[in-house]
Amino acid sequence: MRALLPILFGIAAVAQASDLTVVFNPNPQSVVPGGTLQFTGTITNVSPGQQTIFINSDQVNFPITMAVDDSPFFNNAPISLDFGDNSGPFVFFNVTIPAVQTPGAYIGSFTVLGGTDDTTLNPEGIGTFEVDVDTPEPGALLLCGAAIAWLALRMRGRSPRRA
């Protein structure tokens, strides 16, 4: 049994090998609640078998529900990449943070699905991304408060028109 362990670990390592390298730049990105970020990146085919990889879909995991719009990936990703080819930078997805989101660091993953034909949906490459949700600056809050107060005072001074 002990002699089989290195062989089993070797098989597991081959099964986990990625065919595509996914890199986001810049990463991480910061935003205040209510803001939207755009993640761009590249995909490189580094398949051990030196084969063409078709890019057929994606899967996004992010702890903030409904925050990620991955439609740019479908519009911008190449159909396939030959071994050694790089996609060049393109927009993968947008992240919109809800206005009530708690500040903090949120980490997600983006998995490119595909394979050696145009119907396969194997995980071919995974990139991680981070969104740092910041608290709004006090100056911005003060400015918003002043604008609301000014509008309230202006509306208060209006009298209804007489016919």
N, C-alpha and C. Protein backbone atom coordinates (compact mmCIF):
# COMPACT_ATOMS: atom_id res chain seq x y z
N MET A 1 0.83 -1.20 0.00
CA MET A 1 0.00 0.00 0.00
C MET A 1 0.87 1.25 0.00
N ARG A 2 1.94 1.25 0.85
CA ARG A 2 2.82 2.41 0.93
C ARG A 2 3.50 2.67 -0.41
N ALA A 3 3.79 1.64 -1.17
CA ALA A 3 4.44 1.81 -2.47
C ALA A 3 3.48 2.44 -3.48
N LEU A 4 2.18 2.27 -3.28
CA LEU A 4 1.20 2.83 -4.21
C LEU A 4 0.93 4.32 -3.98
N LEU A 5 1.24 4.83 -2.79
CA LEU A 5 0.93 6.23 -2.49
C LEU A 5 1.57 7.21 -3.46
N PRO A 6 2.87 7.11 -3.77
CA PRO A 6 3.43 8.07 -4.73
C PRO A 6 2.76 7.99 -6.09
N ILE A 7 2.38 6.81 -6.52
CA ILE A 7 1.72 6.65 -7.80
C ILE A 7 0.34 7.32 -7.76
N LEU A 8 -0.42 7.10 -6.67
CA LEU A 8 -1.74 7.71 -6.55
C LEU A 8 -1.64 9.23 -6.50
N PHE A 9 -0.67 9.76 -5.74
CA PHE A 9 -0.50 11.21 -5.68
C PHE A 9 -0.09 11.76 -7.04
N GLY A 10 0.71 11.02 -7.80
CA GLY A 10 1.11 11.45 -9.14
C GLY A 10 -0.09 11.52 -10.07
N ILE A 11 -0.99 10.54 -9.99
CA ILE A 11 -2.20 10.54 -10.81
C ILE A 11 -3.08 11.72 -10.42
N ALA A 12 -3.23 11.99 -9.13
CA ALA A 12 -4.05 13.11 -8.67
C ALA A 12 -3.46 14.43 -9.15
N ALA A 13 -2.15 14.55 -9.15
CA ALA A 13 -1.51 15.79 -9.60
C ALA A 13 -1.75 16.01 -11.08
N VAL A 14 -1.72 14.95 -11.89
CA VAL A 14 -1.98 15.08 -13.32
C VAL A 14 -3.43 15.45 -13.56
N ALA A 15 -4.36 14.87 -12.78
CA ALA A 15 -5.77 15.16 -12.94
C ALA A 15 -6.07 16.63 -12.58
N GLN A 16 -5.30 17.22 -11.68
CA GLN A 16 -5.52 18.59 -11.25
C GLN A 16 -4.81 19.61 -12.14
N ALA A 17 -3.98 19.16 -13.06
CA ALA A 17 -3.22 20.10 -13.90
C ALA A 17 -4.18 20.95 -14.73
N SER A 18 -3.91 22.24 -14.81
CA SER A 18 -4.75 23.15 -15.59
C SER A 18 -4.20 23.28 -17.00
N ASP A 19 -5.11 23.35 -17.96
CA ASP A 19 -4.72 23.57 -19.34
C ASP A 19 -4.59 25.06 -19.65
N LEU A 20 -5.30 25.90 -18.86
CA LEU A 20 -5.30 27.34 -19.10
C LEU A 20 -4.85 28.08 -17.84
N THR A 21 -4.09 29.15 -18.04
CA THR A 21 -3.73 30.03 -16.95
C THR A 21 -4.60 31.29 -17.08
N VAL A 22 -5.30 31.63 -16.00
CA VAL A 22 -6.18 32.79 -15.98
C VAL A 22 -5.59 33.82 -15.03
N VAL A 23 -5.34 35.04 -15.51
CA VAL A 23 -4.74 36.10 -14.71
C VAL A 23 -5.58 37.36 -14.84
N PHE A 24 -5.91 37.97 -13.69
CA PHE A 24 -6.65 39.24 -13.68
C PHE A 24 -5.70 40.37 -13.30
N ASN A 25 -5.86 41.52 -13.97
CA ASN A 25 -5.00 42.66 -13.70
C ASN A 25 -5.80 43.94 -13.87
N PRO A 26 -5.90 44.80 -12.87
CA PRO A 26 -5.32 44.67 -11.54
C PRO A 26 -6.17 43.76 -10.65
N ASN A 27 -5.54 43.21 -9.68
CA ASN A 27 -6.19 42.34 -8.72
C ASN A 27 -5.39 42.40 -7.43
N PRO A 28 -5.97 42.78 -6.31
CA PRO A 28 -7.36 43.09 -6.04
C PRO A 28 -7.76 44.49 -6.50
N GLN A 29 -9.08 44.74 -6.45
CA GLN A 29 -9.61 46.06 -6.76
C GLN A 29 -10.47 46.53 -5.58
N SER A 30 -10.55 47.86 -5.40
CA SER A 30 -11.32 48.43 -4.31
C SER A 30 -12.51 49.22 -4.85
N VAL A 31 -13.58 49.24 -4.07
CA VAL A 31 -14.81 49.94 -4.45
C VAL A 31 -15.59 50.28 -3.19
N VAL A 32 -16.41 51.31 -3.25
CA VAL A 32 -17.32 51.63 -2.16
C VAL A 32 -18.67 50.97 -2.46
N PRO A 33 -19.49 50.72 -1.44
CA PRO A 33 -20.81 50.15 -1.70
C PRO A 33 -21.58 50.97 -2.72
N GLY A 34 -22.24 50.28 -3.64
CA GLY A 34 -22.98 50.92 -4.72
C GLY A 34 -22.15 51.09 -5.99
N GLY A 35 -20.85 50.79 -5.92
CA GLY A 35 -19.96 50.96 -7.07
C GLY A 35 -19.85 49.71 -7.92
N THR A 36 -19.29 49.88 -9.11
CA THR A 36 -19.09 48.78 -10.05
C THR A 36 -17.63 48.71 -10.47
N LEU A 37 -17.10 47.51 -10.54
CA LEU A 37 -15.72 47.26 -10.99
C LEU A 37 -15.74 46.43 -12.27
N GLN A 38 -14.70 46.59 -13.07
CA GLN A 38 -14.55 45.80 -14.29
C GLN A 38 -13.23 45.02 -14.17
N PHE A 39 -13.31 43.70 -14.29
CA PHE A 39 -12.12 42.87 -14.22
C PHE A 39 -11.69 42.46 -15.62
N THR A 40 -10.46 42.81 -15.97
CA THR A 40 -9.86 42.40 -17.23
C THR A 40 -8.77 41.39 -16.93
N GLY A 41 -8.41 40.62 -17.93
CA GLY A 41 -7.36 39.64 -17.72
C GLY A 41 -6.98 38.95 -19.00
N THR A 42 -6.20 37.90 -18.84
CA THR A 42 -5.73 37.12 -19.98
C THR A 42 -5.90 35.63 -19.71
N ILE A 43 -5.94 34.87 -20.79
CA ILE A 43 -5.95 33.41 -20.72
C ILE A 43 -4.79 32.92 -21.58
N THR A 44 -4.01 32.00 -21.04
CA THR A 44 -2.90 31.41 -21.78
C THR A 44 -3.06 29.89 -21.78
N ASN A 45 -2.89 29.28 -22.95
CA ASN A 45 -2.96 27.83 -23.06
C ASN A 45 -1.60 27.23 -22.70
N VAL A 46 -1.56 26.53 -21.58
CA VAL A 46 -0.33 25.88 -21.11
C VAL A 46 -0.56 24.37 -20.97
N SER A 47 -1.45 23.82 -21.80
CA SER A 47 -1.85 22.41 -21.66
C SER A 47 -0.66 21.48 -21.74
N PRO A 48 -0.58 20.53 -20.79
CA PRO A 48 0.52 19.57 -20.80
C PRO A 48 0.59 18.77 -22.10
N GLY A 49 -0.57 18.52 -22.72
CA GLY A 49 -0.60 17.75 -23.97
C GLY A 49 -0.40 18.59 -25.21
N GLN A 50 -0.12 19.89 -25.03
CA GLN A 50 0.09 20.82 -26.13
C GLN A 50 -1.04 20.76 -27.16
N GLN A 51 -2.27 20.80 -26.65
CA GLN A 51 -3.42 20.71 -27.53
C GLN A 51 -4.19 22.02 -27.59
N THR A 52 -5.01 22.16 -28.60
CA THR A 52 -5.91 23.30 -28.71
C THR A 52 -7.02 23.12 -27.68
N ILE A 53 -7.33 24.20 -26.95
CA ILE A 53 -8.39 24.16 -25.94
C ILE A 53 -9.50 25.09 -26.39
N PHE A 54 -10.71 24.55 -26.47
CA PHE A 54 -11.90 25.34 -26.78
C PHE A 54 -12.43 25.95 -25.49
N ILE A 55 -12.84 27.22 -25.56
CA ILE A 55 -13.38 27.94 -24.41
C ILE A 55 -14.88 28.03 -24.62
N ASN A 56 -15.63 27.25 -23.81
CA ASN A 56 -17.06 27.07 -24.07
C ASN A 56 -17.99 27.75 -23.07
N SER A 57 -17.52 28.01 -21.87
CA SER A 57 -18.38 28.64 -20.87
C SER A 57 -17.53 29.06 -19.67
N ASP A 58 -18.20 29.45 -18.60
CA ASP A 58 -17.50 29.83 -17.38
C ASP A 58 -18.37 29.53 -16.17
N GLN A 59 -17.75 29.61 -15.02
CA GLN A 59 -18.46 29.45 -13.75
C GLN A 59 -17.83 30.43 -12.76
N VAL A 60 -18.67 31.23 -12.09
CA VAL A 60 -18.18 32.23 -11.15
C VAL A 60 -18.69 31.89 -9.76
N ASN A 61 -17.79 31.92 -8.79
CA ASN A 61 -18.16 31.77 -7.38
C ASN A 61 -17.74 33.04 -6.66
N PHE A 62 -18.72 33.71 -6.03
CA PHE A 62 -18.44 34.95 -5.31
C PHE A 62 -19.42 35.05 -4.15
N PRO A 63 -18.94 35.45 -2.97
CA PRO A 63 -19.81 35.43 -1.79
C PRO A 63 -20.95 36.45 -1.79
N ILE A 64 -20.88 37.48 -2.63
CA ILE A 64 -21.96 38.46 -2.69
C ILE A 64 -22.91 38.04 -3.81
N THR A 65 -24.11 37.63 -3.44
CA THR A 65 -25.09 37.10 -4.38
C THR A 65 -25.46 38.13 -5.45
N MET A 66 -25.52 37.67 -6.68
CA MET A 66 -25.97 38.46 -7.83
C MET A 66 -25.08 39.68 -8.13
N ALA A 67 -23.86 39.69 -7.66
CA ALA A 67 -22.98 40.85 -7.86
C ALA A 67 -22.20 40.78 -9.18
N VAL A 68 -22.01 39.58 -9.71
CA VAL A 68 -21.14 39.40 -10.88
C VAL A 68 -21.96 39.26 -12.16
N ASP A 69 -21.59 40.06 -13.16
CA ASP A 69 -22.17 39.97 -14.50
C ASP A 69 -21.07 39.44 -15.42
N ASP A 70 -21.19 38.16 -15.82
CA ASP A 70 -20.15 37.55 -16.64
C ASP A 70 -20.44 37.62 -18.14
N SER A 71 -21.45 38.38 -18.55
CA SER A 71 -21.77 38.47 -19.98
C SER A 71 -20.61 39.03 -20.82
N PRO A 72 -19.75 39.93 -20.29
CA PRO A 72 -18.61 40.36 -21.11
C PRO A 72 -17.70 39.21 -21.52
N PHE A 73 -17.60 38.17 -20.68
CA PHE A 73 -16.74 37.03 -21.03
C PHE A 73 -17.22 36.37 -22.32
N PHE A 74 -18.53 36.19 -22.44
CA PHE A 74 -19.07 35.54 -23.64
C PHE A 74 -18.88 36.38 -24.88
N ASN A 75 -18.84 37.69 -24.73
CA ASN A 75 -18.65 38.59 -25.86
C ASN A 75 -17.18 38.75 -26.25
N ASN A 76 -16.26 38.55 -25.31
CA ASN A 76 -14.85 38.90 -25.54
C ASN A 76 -13.87 37.74 -25.59
N ALA A 77 -14.20 36.61 -24.97
CA ALA A 77 -13.25 35.49 -24.90
C ALA A 77 -13.05 34.87 -26.29
N PRO A 78 -11.82 34.40 -26.55
CA PRO A 78 -11.60 33.71 -27.83
C PRO A 78 -12.36 32.38 -27.84
N ILE A 79 -12.64 31.87 -29.03
CA ILE A 79 -13.34 30.59 -29.16
C ILE A 79 -12.43 29.45 -28.72
N SER A 80 -11.15 29.56 -29.06
CA SER A 80 -10.19 28.53 -28.68
C SER A 80 -8.80 29.16 -28.64
N LEU A 81 -7.89 28.44 -27.99
CA LEU A 81 -6.48 28.85 -27.95
C LEU A 81 -5.61 27.65 -28.27
N ASP A 82 -4.69 27.81 -29.21
CA ASP A 82 -3.70 26.77 -29.48
C ASP A 82 -2.66 26.78 -28.37
N PHE A 83 -1.92 25.70 -28.24
CA PHE A 83 -0.90 25.61 -27.20
C PHE A 83 0.07 26.78 -27.30
N GLY A 84 0.32 27.43 -26.17
CA GLY A 84 1.25 28.54 -26.10
C GLY A 84 0.63 29.89 -26.43
N ASP A 85 -0.59 29.91 -26.96
CA ASP A 85 -1.24 31.17 -27.31
C ASP A 85 -1.80 31.87 -26.08
N ASN A 86 -1.87 33.20 -26.18
CA ASN A 86 -2.41 34.05 -25.13
C ASN A 86 -3.53 34.87 -25.74
N SER A 87 -4.60 35.05 -24.98
CA SER A 87 -5.76 35.80 -25.48
C SER A 87 -5.50 37.28 -25.62
N GLY A 88 -4.51 37.80 -24.92
CA GLY A 88 -4.37 39.25 -24.81
C GLY A 88 -5.42 39.72 -23.81
N PRO A 89 -5.28 40.94 -23.30
CA PRO A 89 -6.22 41.40 -22.27
C PRO A 89 -7.62 41.64 -22.84
N PHE A 90 -8.63 41.22 -22.08
CA PHE A 90 -10.03 41.48 -22.44
C PHE A 90 -10.86 41.54 -21.15
N VAL A 91 -12.07 42.08 -21.26
CA VAL A 91 -12.96 42.20 -20.10
C VAL A 91 -13.62 40.84 -19.84
N PHE A 92 -13.43 40.33 -18.62
CA PHE A 92 -14.03 39.06 -18.21
C PHE A 92 -15.42 39.27 -17.62
N PHE A 93 -15.53 40.19 -16.66
CA PHE A 93 -16.79 40.37 -15.95
C PHE A 93 -16.80 41.70 -15.21
N ASN A 94 -18.01 42.07 -14.76
CA ASN A 94 -18.21 43.27 -13.95
C ASN A 94 -18.75 42.84 -12.59
N VAL A 95 -18.36 43.56 -11.55
CA VAL A 95 -18.86 43.29 -10.20
C VAL A 95 -19.52 44.57 -9.69
N THR A 96 -20.81 44.48 -9.36
CA THR A 96 -21.54 45.61 -8.79
C THR A 96 -21.84 45.29 -7.33
N ILE A 97 -21.36 46.14 -6.45
CA ILE A 97 -21.52 45.92 -5.02
C ILE A 97 -22.81 46.61 -4.55
N PRO A 98 -23.68 45.89 -3.84
CA PRO A 98 -24.91 46.52 -3.34
C PRO A 98 -24.59 47.70 -2.41
N ALA A 99 -25.46 48.69 -2.41
CA ALA A 99 -25.25 49.90 -1.61
C ALA A 99 -25.20 49.61 -0.11
N VAL A 100 -25.77 48.51 0.32
CA VAL A 100 -25.81 48.18 1.75
C VAL A 100 -24.75 47.15 2.15
N GLN A 101 -23.80 46.87 1.26
CA GLN A 101 -22.81 45.83 1.53
C GLN A 101 -21.86 46.23 2.65
N THR A 102 -21.58 45.29 3.53
CA THR A 102 -20.65 45.50 4.63
C THR A 102 -19.23 45.61 4.08
N PRO A 103 -18.45 46.59 4.54
CA PRO A 103 -17.05 46.69 4.09
C PRO A 103 -16.26 45.43 4.46
N GLY A 104 -15.27 45.12 3.63
CA GLY A 104 -14.42 43.96 3.86
C GLY A 104 -13.83 43.45 2.57
N ALA A 105 -13.03 42.40 2.68
CA ALA A 105 -12.41 41.77 1.51
C ALA A 105 -13.24 40.56 1.11
N TYR A 106 -13.59 40.48 -0.16
CA TYR A 106 -14.40 39.39 -0.69
C TYR A 106 -13.61 38.72 -1.82
N ILE A 107 -13.41 37.41 -1.70
CA ILE A 107 -12.60 36.67 -2.67
C ILE A 107 -13.50 35.75 -3.47
N GLY A 108 -13.30 35.76 -4.79
CA GLY A 108 -14.07 34.90 -5.67
C GLY A 108 -13.18 34.13 -6.61
N SER A 109 -13.80 33.22 -7.35
CA SER A 109 -13.05 32.46 -8.35
C SER A 109 -13.82 32.46 -9.66
N PHE A 110 -13.06 32.45 -10.74
CA PHE A 110 -13.62 32.43 -12.09
C PHE A 110 -13.02 31.21 -12.79
N THR A 111 -13.87 30.28 -13.18
CA THR A 111 -13.41 29.05 -13.83
C THR A 111 -13.79 29.08 -15.31
N VAL A 112 -12.80 28.87 -16.17
CA VAL A 112 -13.05 28.77 -17.60
C VAL A 112 -13.36 27.30 -17.90
N LEU A 113 -14.50 27.07 -18.54
CA LEU A 113 -14.93 25.72 -18.88
C LEU A 113 -14.74 25.47 -20.37
N GLY A 114 -14.29 24.28 -20.71
CA GLY A 114 -14.08 23.94 -22.12
C GLY A 114 -13.43 22.58 -22.24
N GLY A 115 -12.65 22.42 -23.32
CA GLY A 115 -11.98 21.15 -23.55
C GLY A 115 -11.45 21.07 -24.97
N THR A 116 -11.27 19.84 -25.43
CA THR A 116 -10.65 19.64 -26.74
C THR A 116 -11.65 19.71 -27.89
N ASP A 117 -12.93 19.98 -27.58
CA ASP A 117 -13.92 20.23 -28.64
C ASP A 117 -14.85 21.35 -28.18
N ASP A 118 -15.78 21.74 -29.06
CA ASP A 118 -16.61 22.90 -28.76
C ASP A 118 -17.86 22.60 -27.93
N THR A 119 -17.96 21.38 -27.36
CA THR A 119 -19.10 21.05 -26.51
C THR A 119 -18.71 20.65 -25.09
N THR A 120 -17.44 20.44 -24.85
CA THR A 120 -16.97 19.98 -23.54
C THR A 120 -17.01 21.11 -22.52
N LEU A 121 -17.36 20.78 -21.28
CA LEU A 121 -17.43 21.77 -20.21
C LEU A 121 -16.59 21.37 -19.01
N ASN A 122 -15.35 20.97 -19.26
CA ASN A 122 -14.43 20.64 -18.17
C ASN A 122 -13.82 21.92 -17.62
N PRO A 123 -13.50 21.95 -16.31
CA PRO A 123 -12.77 23.11 -15.78
C PRO A 123 -11.35 23.12 -16.35
N GLU A 124 -11.03 24.13 -17.15
CA GLU A 124 -9.73 24.18 -17.83
C GLU A 124 -8.76 25.16 -17.18
N GLY A 125 -9.26 26.12 -16.43
CA GLY A 125 -8.39 27.09 -15.77
C GLY A 125 -9.19 27.90 -14.76
N ILE A 126 -8.55 28.23 -13.65
CA ILE A 126 -9.21 28.99 -12.59
C ILE A 126 -8.37 30.20 -12.23
N GLY A 127 -9.04 31.34 -12.13
CA GLY A 127 -8.39 32.56 -11.65
C GLY A 127 -9.14 33.07 -10.43
N THR A 128 -8.41 33.53 -9.43
CA THR A 128 -9.06 34.12 -8.27
C THR A 128 -9.01 35.63 -8.37
N PHE A 129 -10.01 36.28 -7.78
CA PHE A 129 -10.06 37.73 -7.77
C PHE A 129 -10.54 38.20 -6.41
N GLU A 130 -10.17 39.43 -6.07
CA GLU A 130 -10.54 39.98 -4.77
C GLU A 130 -11.14 41.37 -4.95
N VAL A 131 -12.24 41.60 -4.23
CA VAL A 131 -12.89 42.90 -4.20
C VAL A 131 -12.83 43.41 -2.76
N ASP A 132 -12.17 44.55 -2.57
CA ASP A 132 -12.12 45.18 -1.25
C ASP A 132 -13.19 46.26 -1.20
N VAL A 133 -14.22 46.02 -0.39
CA VAL A 133 -15.29 46.99 -0.24
C VAL A 133 -14.88 47.94 0.88
N ASP A 134 -14.73 49.21 0.51
CA ASP A 134 -14.30 50.24 1.46
C ASP A 134 -15.49 51.01 1.99
N THR A 135 -15.29 51.65 3.14
CA THR A 135 -16.32 52.57 3.62
C THR A 135 -16.18 53.87 2.84
N PRO A 136 -17.29 54.53 2.55
CA PRO A 136 -17.20 55.80 1.83
C PRO A 136 -16.38 56.81 2.65
N GLU A 137 -15.66 57.67 1.95
CA GLU A 137 -14.87 58.70 2.63
C GLU A 137 -15.79 59.67 3.35
N PRO A 138 -15.38 60.16 4.53
CA PRO A 138 -16.23 61.10 5.27
C PRO A 138 -16.59 62.34 4.45
N GLY A 139 -15.67 62.82 3.64
CA GLY A 139 -15.95 64.00 2.81
C GLY A 139 -17.09 63.75 1.84
N ALA A 140 -17.14 62.55 1.27
CA ALA A 140 -18.21 62.21 0.33
C ALA A 140 -19.55 62.14 1.06
N LEU A 141 -19.55 61.56 2.26
CA LEU A 141 -20.78 61.50 3.04
C LEU A 141 -21.27 62.89 3.41
N LEU A 142 -20.33 63.76 3.80
CA LEU A 142 -20.67 65.13 4.17
C LEU A 142 -21.26 65.88 2.96
N LEU A 143 -20.66 65.71 1.80
CA LEU A 143 -21.15 66.35 0.59
C LEU A 143 -22.57 65.88 0.25
N CYS A 144 -22.82 64.58 0.34
CA CYS A 144 -24.16 64.05 0.07
C CYS A 144 -25.17 64.61 1.06
N GLY A 145 -24.79 64.65 2.33
CA GLY A 145 -25.68 65.19 3.36
C GLY A 145 -26.00 66.65 3.11
N ALA A 146 -25.00 67.44 2.72
CA ALA A 146 -25.21 68.86 2.43
C ALA A 146 -26.15 69.03 1.24
N ALA A 147 -26.00 68.22 0.22
CA ALA A 147 -26.86 68.30 -0.96
C ALA A 147 -28.31 67.97 -0.59
N ILE A 148 -28.51 66.97 0.24
CA ILE A 148 -29.87 66.60 0.66
C ILE A 148 -30.48 67.72 1.50
N ALA A 149 -29.69 68.30 2.41
CA ALA A 149 -30.18 69.40 3.24
C ALA A 149 -30.55 70.60 2.37
N TRP A 150 -29.74 70.94 1.38
CA TRP A 150 -30.01 72.06 0.50
C TRP A 150 -31.31 71.84 -0.28
N LEU A 151 -31.49 70.61 -0.78
CA LEU A 151 -32.73 70.30 -1.51
C LEU A 151 -33.94 70.39 -0.60
N ALA A 152 -33.82 69.92 0.62
CA ALA A 152 -34.94 69.97 1.57
C ALA A 152 -35.31 71.42 1.87
N LEU A 153 -34.32 72.28 2.09
CA LEU A 153 -34.60 73.69 2.35
C LEU A 153 -35.22 74.37 1.14
N ARG A 154 -34.76 74.03 -0.02
CA ARG A 154 -35.29 74.65 -1.24
C ARG A 154 -36.74 74.23 -1.48
N MET A 155 -37.03 72.96 -1.24
CA MET A 155 -38.40 72.47 -1.43
C MET A 155 -39.34 73.05 -0.37
N ARG A 156 -38.84 73.30 0.81
CA ARG A 156 -39.64 73.82 1.92
C ARG A 156 -40.12 75.24 1.62
N GLY A 157 -39.29 76.03 0.93
CA GLY A 157 -39.63 77.41 0.65
C GLY A 157 -40.64 77.61 -0.47
N ARG A 158 -40.97 76.56 -1.21
CA ARG A 158 -41.90 76.70 -2.32
C ARG A 158 -43.34 76.68 -1.80
N SER A 159 -44.13 77.53 -2.37
CA SER A 159 -45.56 77.53 -2.03
C SER A 159 -46.35 77.09 -3.25
N PRO A 160 -47.49 76.48 -3.04
CA PRO A 160 -48.28 76.02 -4.18
C PRO A 160 -48.79 77.21 -5.00
N ARG A 161 -48.87 77.05 -6.29
CA ARG A 161 -49.36 78.11 -7.18
C ARG A 161 -50.88 78.22 -7.05
N ARG A 162 -51.34 79.45 -7.15
CA ARG A 162 -52.79 79.67 -7.10
C ARG A 162 -53.32 79.84 -8.52
N ALA A 163 -54.49 79.35 -8.73
CA ALA A 163 -55.10 79.42 -10.06
C ALA A 163 -55.79 80.72 -10.32
